[in-house]
C-alpha atoms as a PDB file:
ATOM      1  CA  MET A   1      -3.585 -13.638 -10.989  1.00  0.00           C
ATOM      2  CA  ILE A   2      -4.673 -10.850  -8.636  1.00  0.00           C
ATOM      3  CA  GLY A   3      -4.533 -13.235  -5.686  1.00  0.00           C
ATOM      4  CA  GLU A   4      -0.882 -14.089  -6.263  1.00  0.00           C
ATOM      5  CA  LEU A   5       0.045 -10.420  -6.629  1.00  0.00           C
ATOM      6  CA  VAL A   6      -1.900  -9.526  -3.481  1.00  0.00           C
ATOM      7  CA  GLU A   7      -0.032 -12.140  -1.488  1.00  0.00           C
ATOM      8  CA  ARG A   8       3.267 -10.799  -2.824  1.00  0.00           C
ATOM      9  CA  TRP A   9       2.231  -7.231  -1.977  1.00  0.00           C
ATOM     10  CA  HIS A  10       1.236  -8.247   1.541  1.00  0.00           C
ATOM     11  CA  ARG A  11       4.659  -9.767   2.215  1.00  0.00           C
ATOM     12  CA  GLY A  12       6.274  -6.428   1.387  1.00  0.00           C
ATOM     13  CA  TRP A  13       3.743  -4.471   3.430  1.00  0.00           C
ATOM     14  CA  ILE A  14       4.242  -6.470   6.614  1.00  0.00           C
ATOM     15  CA  THR A  15       8.008  -6.221   6.127  1.00  0.00           C
ATOM     16  CA  ALA A  16       7.797  -2.435   5.749  1.00  0.00           C
ATOM     17  CA  GLU A  17       5.623  -2.107   8.847  1.00  0.00           C
ATOM     18  CA  GLY A  18       7.251  -4.830  10.954  1.00  0.00           C
ATOM     19  CA  LEU A  19       3.974  -6.772  11.212  1.00  0.00           C
ATOM     20  CA  THR A  20       3.067 -10.461  11.190  1.00  0.00           C
ATOM     21  CA  SER A  21       0.309 -12.341   9.389  1.00  0.00           C
ATOM     22  CA  GLU A  22      -1.411 -15.699   9.303  1.00  0.00           C
ATOM     23  CA  TYR A  23      -4.077 -17.639   7.434  1.00  0.00           C
ATOM     24  CA  ARG A  24      -7.181 -17.984   9.603  1.00  0.00           C
ATOM     25  CA  ASP A  25      -9.939 -20.259   8.302  1.00  0.00           C
ATOM     26  CA  GLY A  26      -8.293 -19.955   4.898  1.00  0.00           C
ATOM     27  CA  TYR A  27      -8.280 -16.146   4.926  1.00  0.00           C
ATOM     28  CA  LEU A  28      -5.214 -13.903   5.046  1.00  0.00           C
ATOM     29  CA  VAL A  29      -5.085 -11.847   8.259  1.00  0.00           C
ATOM     30  CA  VAL A  30      -2.478  -9.227   9.183  1.00  0.00           C
ATOM     31  CA  HIS A  31      -1.853  -8.411  12.846  1.00  0.00           C
ATOM     32  CA  VAL A  32      -1.846  -4.597  12.697  1.00  0.00           C
ATOM     33  CA  ASN A  33      -2.242  -4.228  16.477  1.00  0.00           C
ATOM     34  CA  ARG A  34      -3.440  -0.621  16.505  1.00  0.00           C
ATOM     35  CA  PRO A  35      -6.348   0.498  18.705  1.00  0.00           C
ATOM     36  CA  HIS A  36      -8.576   1.362  15.736  1.00  0.00           C
ATOM     37  CA  ARG A  37      -7.422  -1.579  13.591  1.00  0.00           C
ATOM     38  CA  VAL A  38      -6.317  -4.697  15.424  1.00  0.00           C
ATOM     39  CA  PHE A  39      -6.561  -6.965  12.371  1.00  0.00           C
ATOM     40  CA  GLU A  40      -6.696  -6.381   8.638  1.00  0.00           C
ATOM     41  CA  TRP A  41      -8.202  -9.164   6.568  1.00  0.00           C
ATOM     42  CA  ILE A  42      -7.147  -9.269   2.914  1.00  0.00           C
ATOM     43  CA  ALA A  43      -9.265 -11.014   0.301  1.00  0.00           C
ATOM     44  CA  THR A  44      -7.062 -12.703  -2.272  1.00  0.00           C
ATOM     45  CA  ASP A  45     -10.148 -13.559  -4.359  1.00  0.00           C
ATOM     46  CA  ASP A  46     -13.103 -11.170  -4.510  1.00  0.00           C
ATOM     47  CA  ALA A  47     -15.408 -14.174  -4.945  1.00  0.00           C
ATOM     48  CA  GLU A  48     -14.946 -14.762  -1.214  1.00  0.00           C
ATOM     49  CA  THR A  49     -15.939 -11.196  -0.284  1.00  0.00           C
ATOM     50  CA  GLY A  50     -19.320 -12.005   1.251  1.00  0.00           C
ATOM     51  CA  ALA A  51     -17.970 -14.814   3.411  1.00  0.00           C
ATOM     52  CA  VAL A  52     -14.928 -12.990   4.741  1.00  0.00           C
ATOM     53  CA  ALA A  53     -16.925  -9.773   5.241  1.00  0.00           C
ATOM     54  CA  SER A  54     -19.304 -11.666   7.519  1.00  0.00           C
ATOM     55  CA  VAL A  55     -16.350 -12.914   9.563  1.00  0.00           C
ATOM     56  CA  VAL A  56     -14.897  -9.406   9.862  1.00  0.00           C
ATOM     57  CA  ALA A  57     -18.288  -7.933  10.797  1.00  0.00           C
ATOM     58  CA  ALA A  58     -18.613 -10.450  13.648  1.00  0.00           C
ATOM     59  CA  ALA A  59     -15.062  -9.944  14.972  1.00  0.00           C
ATOM     60  CA  PRO A  60     -14.957  -8.596  18.556  1.00  0.00           C
ATOM     61  CA  GLU A  61     -11.980  -6.334  17.777  1.00  0.00           C
ATOM     62  CA  PRO A  62     -11.788  -3.311  15.442  1.00  0.00           C
ATOM     63  CA  SER A  63     -11.017  -5.051  12.145  1.00  0.00           C
ATOM     64  CA  TRP A  64     -10.662  -3.986   8.524  1.00  0.00           C
ATOM     65  CA  LEU A  65     -11.071  -5.755   5.184  1.00  0.00           C
ATOM     66  CA  SER A  66      -9.232  -4.959   1.933  1.00  0.00           C
ATOM     67  CA  VAL A  67     -10.588  -6.410  -1.310  1.00  0.00           C
ATOM     68  CA  PRO A  68      -8.686  -5.963  -4.595  1.00  0.00           C
ATOM     69  CA  THR A  69     -11.277  -6.336  -7.346  1.00  0.00           C
ATOM     70  CA  HIS A  70     -12.281  -5.582 -10.920  1.00  0.00           C
ATOM     71  CA  SER A  71     -15.868  -5.069  -9.697  1.00  0.00           C
ATOM     72  CA  PRO A  72     -15.804  -2.430  -6.920  1.00  0.00           C
ATOM     73  CA  ALA A  73     -19.552  -1.755  -6.977  1.00  0.00           C
ATOM     74  CA  LYS A  74     -20.323  -5.442  -6.436  1.00  0.00           C
ATOM     75  CA  VAL A  75     -17.801  -5.684  -3.591  1.00  0.00           C
ATOM     76  CA  ILE A  76     -19.171  -2.537  -1.927  1.00  0.00           C
ATOM     77  CA  ALA A  77     -22.682  -4.000  -2.005  1.00  0.00           C
ATOM     78  CA  GLU A  78     -21.459  -7.277  -0.486  1.00  0.00           C
ATOM     79  CA  VAL A  79     -19.467  -5.733   2.361  1.00  0.00           C
ATOM     80  CA  GLU A  80     -22.295  -3.353   3.236  1.00  0.00           C
ATOM     81  CA  ALA A  81     -24.776  -6.237   3.203  1.00  0.00           C
ATOM     82  CA  ALA A  82     -22.516  -8.014   5.713  1.00  0.00           C
ATOM     83  CA  GLY A  83     -22.631  -5.004   8.032  1.00  0.00           C
ATOM     84  CA  LEU A  84     -19.279  -3.371   7.262  1.00  0.00           C
ATOM     85  CA  VAL A  85     -18.700   0.332   6.718  1.00  0.00           C
ATOM     86  CA  VAL A  86     -16.870   1.254   3.504  1.00  0.00           C
ATOM     87  CA  ALA A  87     -13.903   3.452   4.434  1.00  0.00           C
ATOM     88  CA  ARG A  88     -12.181   3.807   1.070  1.00  0.00           C
ATOM     89  CA  PRO A  89     -14.197   2.700  -1.980  1.00  0.00           C
ATOM     90  CA  ASP A  90     -11.883   3.654  -4.831  1.00  0.00           C
ATOM     91  CA  GLU A  91      -8.227   2.917  -4.134  1.00  0.00           C
ATOM     92  CA  THR A  92      -6.008   1.263  -6.750  1.00  0.00           C
ATOM     93  CA  PHE A  93      -3.649  -1.736  -6.815  1.00  0.00           C
ATOM     94  CA  MET A  94      -0.668  -0.942  -9.084  1.00  0.00           C
ATOM     95  CA  ARG A  95       2.626  -2.363 -10.355  1.00  0.00           C
ATOM     96  CA  ARG A  96       5.621  -1.404 -12.490  1.00  0.00           C
ATOM     97  CA  PRO A  97       8.861  -2.926 -13.778  1.00  0.00           C
ATOM     98  CA  LEU A  98      11.575  -1.103 -11.862  1.00  0.00           C
ATOM     99  CA  ALA A  99      14.589  -1.310 -14.158  1.00  0.00           C
ATOM    100  CA  ASP A 100      13.597   1.749 -16.208  1.00  0.00           C
ATOM    101  CA  HIS A 101      11.768   3.673 -13.491  1.00  0.00           C
ATOM    102  CA  PRO A 102      12.213   7.460 -13.921  1.00  0.00           C
ATOM    103  CA  PHE A 103      14.668   9.051 -11.500  1.00  0.00           C
ATOM    104  CA  SER A 104      15.332  12.672 -10.684  1.00  0.00           C
ATOM    105  CA  GLY A 105      17.362  14.340  -7.987  1.00  0.00           C
ATOM    106  CA  PRO A 106      15.879  16.830  -5.525  1.00  0.00           C
ATOM    107  CA  PRO A 107      15.251  20.413  -6.701  1.00  0.00           C
ATOM    108  CA  GLU A 108      17.348  23.319  -5.491  1.00  0.00           C
ATOM    109  CA  GLY A 109      16.997  23.910  -1.777  1.00  0.00           C
ATOM    110  CA  TYR A 110      16.334  20.253  -0.973  1.00  0.00           C
ATOM    111  CA  SER A 111      18.600  17.353  -0.047  1.00  0.00           C
ATOM    112  CA  LEU A 112      18.142  13.598  -0.191  1.00  0.00           C
ATOM    113  CA  GLU A 113      18.692  11.066   2.580  1.00  0.00           C
ATOM    114  CA  VAL A 114      18.591   7.283   2.034  1.00  0.00           C
ATOM    115  CA  THR A 115      18.794   4.743   4.862  1.00  0.00           C
ATOM    116  CA  ARG A 116      18.240   0.990   5.229  1.00  0.00           C
ATOM    117  CA  ASP A 117      17.113  -0.910   8.313  1.00  0.00           C
ATOM    118  CA  PRO A 118      16.822  -3.118   6.089  1.00  0.00           C
ATOM    119  CA  VAL A 119      13.678  -1.451   4.687  1.00  0.00           C
ATOM    120  CA  ILE A 120      14.690   1.321   2.295  1.00  0.00           C
ATOM    121  CA  ARG A 121      13.695   4.745   3.644  1.00  0.00           C
ATOM    122  CA  VAL A 122      13.965   7.915   1.554  1.00  0.00           C
ATOM    123  CA  GLN A 123      13.576  11.436   2.933  1.00  0.00           C
ATOM    124  CA  VAL A 124      13.692  14.715   1.052  1.00  0.00           C
ATOM    125  CA  LEU A 125      14.838  17.415   3.463  1.00  0.00           C
ATOM    126  CA  ALA A 126      14.437  21.188   3.481  1.00  0.00           C
ATOM    127  CA  ASP A 127      16.482  22.999   6.139  1.00  0.00           C
ATOM    128  CA  GLY A 128      16.676  19.787   8.127  1.00  0.00           C
ATOM    129  CA  GLU A 129      12.915  19.188   8.091  1.00  0.00           C
ATOM    130  CA  VAL A 130      11.236  16.297   6.242  1.00  0.00           C
ATOM    131  CA  ALA A 131       9.455  17.644   3.155  1.00  0.00           C
ATOM    132  CA  ALA A 132       8.669  14.242   1.584  1.00  0.00           C
ATOM    133  CA  SER A 133       9.339  10.619   2.455  1.00  0.00           C
ATOM    134  CA  GLY A 134       8.605   7.003   1.635  1.00  0.00           C
ATOM    135  CA  LEU A 135       9.475   3.376   2.339  1.00  0.00           C
ATOM    136  CA  MET A 136      10.127   0.402   0.093  1.00  0.00           C
ATOM    137  CA  ALA A 137      10.497  -3.162   1.314  1.00  0.00           C
ATOM    138  CA  VAL A 138      12.276  -5.644  -0.946  1.00  0.00           C
ATOM    139  CA  VAL A 139      11.100  -9.257  -0.644  1.00  0.00           C
ATOM    140  CA  GLY A 140      12.696 -11.488  -3.264  1.00  0.00           C
ATOM    141  CA  GLN A 141      12.265  -9.731  -6.600  1.00  0.00           C
ATOM    142  CA  ASP A 142       9.336  -7.608  -5.412  1.00  0.00           C
ATOM    143  CA  ALA A 143       9.573  -4.120  -3.936  1.00  0.00           C
ATOM    144  CA  VAL A 144       6.525  -2.731  -2.142  1.00  0.00           C
ATOM    145  CA  ALA A 145       6.214   1.053  -1.794  1.00  0.00           C
ATOM    146  CA  HIS A 146       4.555   2.328   1.367  1.00  0.00           C
ATOM    147  CA  ARG A 147       3.818   5.607   3.152  1.00  0.00           C
ATOM    148  CA  ILE A 148       4.684   7.896   0.255  1.00  0.00           C
ATOM    149  CA  GLU A 149       4.012  11.336   1.698  1.00  0.00           C
ATOM    150  CA  THR A 150       4.719  14.990   0.915  1.00  0.00           C
ATOM    151  CA  ALA A 151       4.195  17.711   3.507  1.00  0.00           C
ATOM    152  CA  GLU A 152       1.481  20.193   2.590  1.00  0.00           C
ATOM    153  CA  ALA A 153       3.874  23.147   2.337  1.00  0.00           C
ATOM    154  CA  HIS A 154       6.104  21.309  -0.163  1.00  0.00           C
ATOM    155  CA  ARG A 155       3.572  19.878  -2.610  1.00  0.00           C
ATOM    156  CA  ARG A 156       3.557  20.495  -6.385  1.00  0.00           C
ATOM    157  CA  ARG A 157       7.352  20.587  -6.523  1.00  0.00           C
ATOM    158  CA  GLY A 158       7.964  17.083  -7.841  1.00  0.00           C
ATOM    159  CA  LEU A 159       9.117  15.689  -4.508  1.00  0.00           C
ATOM    160  CA  GLY A 160       6.879  12.615  -4.765  1.00  0.00           C
ATOM    161  CA  SER A 161       8.617  11.723  -8.027  1.00  0.00           C
ATOM    162  CA  VAL A 162      11.995  12.202  -6.337  1.00  0.00           C
ATOM    163  CA  VAL A 163      11.008   9.840  -3.532  1.00  0.00           C
ATOM    164  CA  MET A 164       9.603   7.172  -5.857  1.00  0.00           C
ATOM    165  CA  GLY A 165      12.505   7.342  -8.286  1.00  0.00           C
ATOM    166  CA  THR A 166      15.047   7.029  -5.483  1.00  0.00           C
ATOM    167  CA  LEU A 167      13.196   4.141  -3.856  1.00  0.00           C
ATOM    168  CA  ALA A 168      13.010   2.308  -7.199  1.00  0.00           C
ATOM    169  CA  ARG A 169      16.712   2.876  -7.910  1.00  0.00           C
ATOM    170  CA  GLU A 170      17.714   1.562  -4.489  1.00  0.00           C
ATOM    171  CA  ALA A 171      15.359  -1.422  -4.745  1.00  0.00           C
ATOM    172  CA  VAL A 172      16.903  -2.427  -8.075  1.00  0.00           C
ATOM    173  CA  ARG A 173      20.302  -2.350  -6.372  1.00  0.00           C
ATOM    174  CA  ASP A 174      18.863  -4.808  -3.849  1.00  0.00           C
ATOM    175  CA  GLY A 175      17.732  -7.179  -6.612  1.00  0.00           C
ATOM    176  CA  ALA A 176      14.102  -6.133  -7.085  1.00  0.00           C
ATOM    177  CA  THR A 177      12.538  -6.210 -10.540  1.00  0.00           C
ATOM    178  CA  THR A 178       8.843  -5.486  -9.886  1.00  0.00           C
ATOM    179  CA  GLY A 179       7.210  -2.718  -7.857  1.00  0.00           C
ATOM    180  CA  LEU A 180       3.814  -3.171  -6.178  1.00  0.00           C
ATOM    181  CA  LEU A 181       1.682  -0.698  -4.236  1.00  0.00           C
ATOM    182  CA  PHE A 182      -1.805   0.159  -3.052  1.00  0.00           C
ATOM    183  CA  SER A 183      -2.573   3.764  -3.982  1.00  0.00           C
ATOM    184  CA  SER A 184      -4.991   6.240  -2.502  1.00  0.00           C
ATOM    185  CA  THR A 185      -7.163   8.217  -4.898  1.00  0.00           C
ATOM    186  CA  ASP A 186      -4.856  11.212  -4.468  1.00  0.00           C
ATOM    187  CA  GLY A 187      -1.724   9.231  -5.314  1.00  0.00           C
ATOM    188  CA  VAL A 188      -2.840   7.609  -8.555  1.00  0.00           C
ATOM    189  CA  HIS A 189      -1.923  10.578 -10.761  1.00  0.00           C
ATOM    190  CA  LEU A 190       1.663  10.586  -9.478  1.00  0.00           C
ATOM    191  CA  TYR A 191       2.152   6.875 -10.027  1.00  0.00           C
ATOM    192  CA  ARG A 192       0.600   6.905 -13.492  1.00  0.00           C
ATOM    193  CA  SER A 193       2.910   9.764 -14.485  1.00  0.00           C
ATOM    194  CA  LEU A 194       5.831   7.521 -13.505  1.00  0.00           C
ATOM    195  CA  GLY A 195       4.596   4.591 -15.590  1.00  0.00           C
ATOM    196  CA  TRP A 196       2.825   2.521 -12.945  1.00  0.00           C
ATOM    197  CA  GLU A 197      -0.131   0.524 -14.284  1.00  0.00           C
ATOM    198  CA  ARG A 198      -3.412  -0.424 -12.682  1.00  0.00           C
ATOM    199  CA  ILE A 199      -3.875  -4.052 -11.664  1.00  0.00           C
ATOM    200  CA  SER A 200      -7.318  -3.619 -10.139  1.00  0.00           C
ATOM    201  CA  GLY A 201      -9.481  -1.456  -7.947  1.00  0.00           C
ATOM    202  CA  LEU A 202      -9.358  -1.769  -4.166  1.00  0.00           C
ATOM    203  CA  VAL A 203     -12.214  -1.480  -1.674  1.00  0.00           C
ATOM    204  CA  VAL A 204     -11.402  -1.023   2.018  1.00  0.00           C
ATOM    205  CA  ALA A 205     -14.050  -1.490   4.709  1.00  0.00           C
ATOM    206  CA  ARG A 206     -14.173  -1.803   8.510  1.00  0.00           C
ATOM    207  CA  ASN A 207     -16.440  -3.289  11.106  1.00  0.00           C
ATOM    208  CA  ALA A 208     -18.462  -1.248  13.576  1.00  0.00           C
ATOM    209  CA  VAL A 209     -16.373  -2.056  16.675  1.00  0.00           C
ATOM    210  CA  SER A 210     -14.928   1.034  18.363  1.00  0.00           C
ATOM    211  CA  ALA A 211     -11.303   1.350  19.397  1.00  0.00           C
END
């Protein structure tokens, strides 16, 4: 079940970022093409962690591995045994039905801007400057949230909820029914407060190749 959801999430992520992907030796690989992360390998089954971690560790380019799992400690041990460095040990894979997603407009002093290219982009503005923002890519009936950010000076004002609610509303208009996202440790509280549920943990590791 996790594997199917991961594949669906990945399709939204590469759409949001304008990336491409392939299956290499049976493993899902995204072409990130950044100096510090040329490839990101995604394990669709944590039972394959040891094998794919060994491949990533031996890669000549800076490469990362993401492993959604119900057993983070076991995955961490396996990737470290393969020679990878754990970058983020406790992220969370989450989902939510979008039809009843909470929505609120921006507070006084802020304005809302929504664009499509075709990825949905939401910005909350204060005096013309971006106070909070986020993306959501709709692929079929799935909508994948990405880069949900609030500027330091504008935190604790509910702007993250404004961004998420607006993205969900616009995604429903585009035919989406299910939201998917990978959350950092800091973001989990926001998403839980909006009714998102945990699918699994997520361990992210990288090889030792320098940019």
